[in-house]
Protein backbone atom coordinates (compact mmCIF):
# COMPACT_ATOMS: atom_id res chain seq x y z
CA UNK A 1 -17.65 -56.13 28.01
CA UNK A 2 -18.26 -52.54 29.10
CA UNK A 3 -14.60 -52.22 30.06
CA UNK A 4 -13.52 -53.45 26.65
CA UNK A 5 -15.86 -50.94 25.02
CA UNK A 6 -14.40 -48.06 27.06
CA UNK A 7 -10.86 -49.15 26.19
CA UNK A 8 -11.88 -49.31 22.54
CA UNK A 9 -13.32 -45.79 22.69
CA UNK A 10 -10.17 -44.50 24.37
CA UNK A 11 -8.12 -46.13 21.63
CA UNK A 12 -10.20 -44.39 18.96
CA UNK A 13 -9.82 -41.06 20.73
CA UNK A 14 -6.08 -41.53 20.92
CA UNK A 15 -5.95 -42.42 17.24
CA UNK A 16 -8.04 -39.39 16.40
CA UNK A 17 -5.77 -37.17 18.47
CA UNK A 18 -2.70 -38.67 16.84
CA UNK A 19 -4.23 -38.13 13.39
CA UNK A 20 -4.91 -34.49 14.24
CA UNK A 21 -1.39 -34.03 15.58
CA UNK A 22 0.45 -35.76 12.73
CA UNK A 23 -1.78 -34.98 9.74
CA UNK A 24 -4.40 -32.26 10.18
CA UNK A 25 -2.29 -29.71 12.11
CA UNK A 26 0.74 -29.96 9.79
CA UNK A 27 -1.53 -29.65 6.73
CA UNK A 28 -3.24 -26.61 8.23
CA UNK A 29 0.10 -25.01 9.08
CA UNK A 30 1.42 -25.72 5.59
CA UNK A 31 -1.69 -24.18 4.03
CA UNK A 32 -1.43 -20.96 6.03
CA UNK A 33 2.31 -20.70 5.44
CA UNK A 34 1.82 -21.37 1.73
CA UNK A 35 -0.99 -18.80 1.51
CA UNK A 36 1.14 -16.22 3.32
CA UNK A 37 4.13 -16.94 1.07
CA UNK A 38 2.02 -16.68 -2.08
CA UNK A 39 0.57 -13.37 -0.84
CA UNK A 40 4.04 -11.99 -0.17
CA UNK A 41 5.41 -13.18 -3.51
CA UNK A 42 2.48 -11.65 -5.38
CA UNK A 43 2.93 -8.35 -3.55
CA UNK A 44 6.68 -8.29 -4.18
CA UNK A 45 6.10 -8.98 -7.90
CA UNK A 46 4.07 -5.76 -8.03
CA UNK A 47 7.23 -3.81 -7.25
CA UNK A 48 9.61 -2.77 -10.03
CA UNK A 49 12.68 -0.55 -10.35
CA UNK A 50 11.42 2.67 -11.94
CA UNK A 51 14.26 5.02 -11.15
CA UNK A 52 16.46 6.20 -8.34
CA UNK A 53 15.80 9.29 -6.27
CA UNK A 54 18.70 11.55 -7.30
CA UNK A 55 20.94 13.38 -4.90
CA UNK A 56 19.35 16.59 -3.65
CA UNK A 57 19.64 19.17 -0.91
CA UNK A 58 16.42 21.03 -0.24
CA UNK A 59 15.06 23.25 2.52
CA UNK A 60 12.51 21.71 4.88
CA UNK A 61 9.55 23.70 6.17
CA UNK A 62 11.57 24.50 9.31
CA UNK A 63 14.49 25.83 7.18
CA UNK A 64 16.77 22.86 7.91
CA UNK A 65 18.58 21.50 4.85
CA UNK A 66 17.74 17.91 3.94
CA UNK A 67 19.67 15.68 1.53
CA UNK A 68 18.65 12.46 -0.22
CA UNK A 69 21.40 10.57 1.62
CA UNK A 70 19.38 10.81 4.82
CA UNK A 71 16.87 8.31 3.41
CA UNK A 72 19.32 5.90 1.77
CA UNK A 73 18.69 3.07 4.26
CA UNK A 74 14.95 3.53 4.70
CA UNK A 75 11.57 3.43 3.03
CA UNK A 76 10.18 6.59 1.44
CA UNK A 77 6.66 7.68 0.50
CA UNK A 78 6.91 10.76 -1.71
CA UNK A 79 4.50 13.19 -3.30
CA UNK A 80 4.89 16.27 -5.50
CA UNK A 81 2.55 18.88 -4.07
CA UNK A 82 -0.10 20.50 -6.23
CA UNK A 83 -2.73 22.98 -5.11
CA UNK A 84 -5.72 20.86 -6.13
CA UNK A 85 -4.63 17.67 -4.35
CA UNK A 86 -2.66 18.95 -1.36
CA UNK A 87 -5.51 18.50 1.10
CA UNK A 88 -6.08 14.96 -0.14
CA UNK A 89 -2.39 14.17 0.28
CA UNK A 90 -2.28 15.56 3.81
CA UNK A 91 -5.34 13.52 4.84
CA UNK A 92 -3.67 10.35 3.56
CA UNK A 93 -0.36 11.31 5.15
CA UNK A 94 -1.99 11.69 8.56
CA UNK A 95 -3.32 8.12 8.32
CA UNK A 96 0.02 6.72 7.17
CA UNK A 97 1.97 8.59 9.80
CA UNK A 98 -0.35 7.37 12.57
CA UNK A 99 0.09 3.80 11.37
CA UNK A 100 3.90 3.89 11.12
CA UNK A 101 4.72 6.53 13.72
CA UNK A 102 6.91 4.19 15.79
CA UNK A 103 9.27 3.43 12.90
CA UNK A 104 12.51 5.36 12.48
CA UNK A 105 13.15 3.95 9.00
CA UNK A 106 9.98 5.14 7.19
CA UNK A 107 9.93 8.68 5.83
CA UNK A 108 7.24 10.82 4.22
CA UNK A 109 8.43 13.43 1.74
CA UNK A 110 6.42 16.18 0.07
CA UNK A 111 8.06 18.33 -2.61
CA UNK A 112 6.91 21.85 -3.48
CA UNK A 113 8.05 23.66 -6.63
CA UNK A 114 8.34 27.00 -4.89
CA UNK A 115 10.91 28.39 -2.50
CA UNK A 116 8.93 31.49 -1.50
CA UNK A 117 8.22 32.53 2.07
CA UNK A 118 4.48 32.08 1.43
CA UNK A 119 5.02 28.41 0.49
CA UNK A 120 7.19 27.89 3.56
CA UNK A 121 4.45 29.30 5.80
CA UNK A 122 1.81 27.18 4.05
CA UNK A 123 3.84 24.02 4.65
CA UNK A 124 4.43 24.98 8.26
CA UNK A 125 0.68 25.34 8.65
CA UNK A 126 0.12 21.90 7.09
CA UNK A 127 2.44 20.35 9.63
CA UNK A 128 1.05 22.22 12.64
CA UNK A 129 -2.68 21.87 11.91
CA UNK A 130 -2.48 18.16 11.06
CA UNK A 131 -0.11 17.06 13.81
CA UNK A 132 2.70 16.32 11.36
CA UNK A 133 5.48 18.22 13.10
CA UNK A 134 7.57 15.07 13.34
CA UNK A 135 10.91 16.32 12.07
CA UNK A 136 12.40 12.81 12.03
CA UNK A 137 9.72 11.33 9.76
CA UNK A 138 7.77 14.05 7.90
CA UNK A 139 9.46 16.40 5.44
CA UNK A 140 7.88 19.24 3.46
CA UNK A 141 10.67 20.18 1.08
CA UNK A 142 10.97 23.27 -1.12
CA UNK A 143 12.93 23.50 -4.35
CA UNK A 144 12.96 25.48 -7.58
CA UNK A 145 10.76 24.30 -10.42
CA UNK A 146 13.80 22.97 -12.30
CA UNK A 147 15.09 21.08 -9.24
CA UNK A 148 11.76 19.42 -8.54
CA UNK A 149 11.09 18.64 -12.22
CA UNK A 150 14.48 16.92 -12.41
CA UNK A 151 13.66 14.93 -9.28
CA UNK A 152 10.26 13.83 -10.59
CA UNK A 153 11.72 12.79 -13.94
CA UNK A 154 14.46 10.73 -12.27
CA UNK A 155 11.85 8.97 -10.13
CA UNK A 156 10.02 7.94 -13.30
CA UNK A 157 6.57 9.19 -12.28
CA UNK A 158 4.07 8.30 -15.05
CA UNK A 159 2.33 11.68 -15.21
CA UNK A 160 1.65 11.57 -18.96
CA UNK A 161 0.45 7.97 -18.85
CA UNK A 162 -2.06 8.92 -16.13
CA UNK A 163 -3.13 12.14 -17.85
CA UNK A 164 -1.51 14.21 -15.09
CA UNK A 165 1.35 16.67 -14.72
CA UNK A 166 3.79 17.82 -12.07
CA UNK A 167 1.54 20.78 -11.33
CA UNK A 168 -1.69 18.74 -11.23
CA UNK A 169 -1.37 15.16 -10.01
CA UNK A 170 -2.52 12.81 -7.28
CA UNK A 171 0.34 10.32 -7.55
CA UNK A 172 2.50 9.17 -4.66
CA UNK A 173 5.55 6.94 -4.99
CA UNK A 174 7.15 4.31 -2.78
CA UNK A 175 10.93 3.91 -2.65
CA UNK A 176 13.20 1.45 -0.90
CA UNK A 177 16.83 2.52 -0.38
CA UNK A 178 16.14 5.45 -2.75
CA UNK A 179 14.95 3.14 -5.56
CA UNK A 180 11.39 3.97 -6.64
CA UNK A 181 9.40 0.71 -6.64
CA UNK A 182 5.78 1.66 -7.33
CA UNK A 183 3.20 4.45 -7.77
CA UNK A 184 -0.22 5.04 -6.21
CA UNK A 185 -3.18 7.27 -6.94
CA UNK A 186 -4.17 9.01 -3.71
CA UNK A 187 -7.68 9.50 -5.09
CA UNK A 188 -8.25 5.72 -4.97
CA UNK A 189 -8.73 3.98 -1.63
CA UNK A 190 -7.59 0.61 -3.02
CA UNK A 191 -4.38 2.23 -4.20
CA UNK A 192 -3.70 3.49 -0.68
CA UNK A 193 -4.29 -0.02 0.71
CA UNK A 194 -1.75 -1.34 -1.81
CA UNK A 195 0.76 1.26 -0.60
CA UNK A 196 0.28 0.17 3.02
CA UNK A 197 0.77 -3.46 1.96
CA UNK A 198 4.02 -2.64 0.17
CA UNK A 199 5.36 -0.64 3.10
CA UNK A 200 4.49 -3.40 5.56
CA UNK A 201 6.09 -6.17 3.50
CA UNK A 202 9.31 -4.20 3.04
CA UNK A 203 9.81 -3.08 6.63
CA UNK A 204 13.11 -4.53 7.89
CA UNK A 205 13.07 -6.35 11.24
CA UNK A 206 13.42 -3.85 14.05
CA UNK A 207 16.50 -4.45 16.17
CA UNK A 208 16.02 -4.58 19.90
CA UNK A 209 18.43 -1.82 20.94
CA UNK A 210 18.23 -2.72 24.63
CA UNK A 211 19.08 -6.35 23.93
CA UNK A 212 21.98 -5.40 21.66
CA UNK A 213 23.29 -3.02 24.35
CA UNK A 214 23.03 -5.74 27.00
CA UNK A 215 24.97 -8.17 24.81
CA UNK A 216 27.71 -5.59 24.27
CA UNK A 217 27.96 -5.05 28.03
CA UNK A 218 28.21 -8.79 28.66
CA UNK A 219 31.18 -9.19 26.28
């Protein structure tokens, strides 16, 4: 009798385990996959095509010339510098750069409407003081007022809609393959979180260079 009871309990345990394996676990996996897919789809729907970053060649803070083509295969976070919000932008840039420092396909661009030596020195100081002297990822670019105004207009920044202007704004933009996809107010923490989400969801898979090299050698 006791043996039969033990066998019966073992049978119930096996059935319970089988139920977990065949029903509960697949349902749980489906739920998490579905939730993740819905989250991604919702985030991607937030992105639009607002305008393409036009071709440009501007001087970086270190006097090297930088063209738009350099960023054609990557992700760009851009900002048009203004005196009132520059410090705020740099603080946010430090956080973003720390988070995505290992990527070679994410670039941070700041545009200044002044080509003077004083502006160059100010941008150099920004980079040095805040640990942003990463010449492969951070760019503090100088252009004439007309050049930068043309660039901002092509990118479709909604300055008027937000009650802002090129000379007084806190807007950053996100671009993928030079196409501007969304805008963010650096004065709002939630907006910055949305920017991080959009960057993360659009990062292309990173190729394992060592593995690719090994495969080439084996051929």
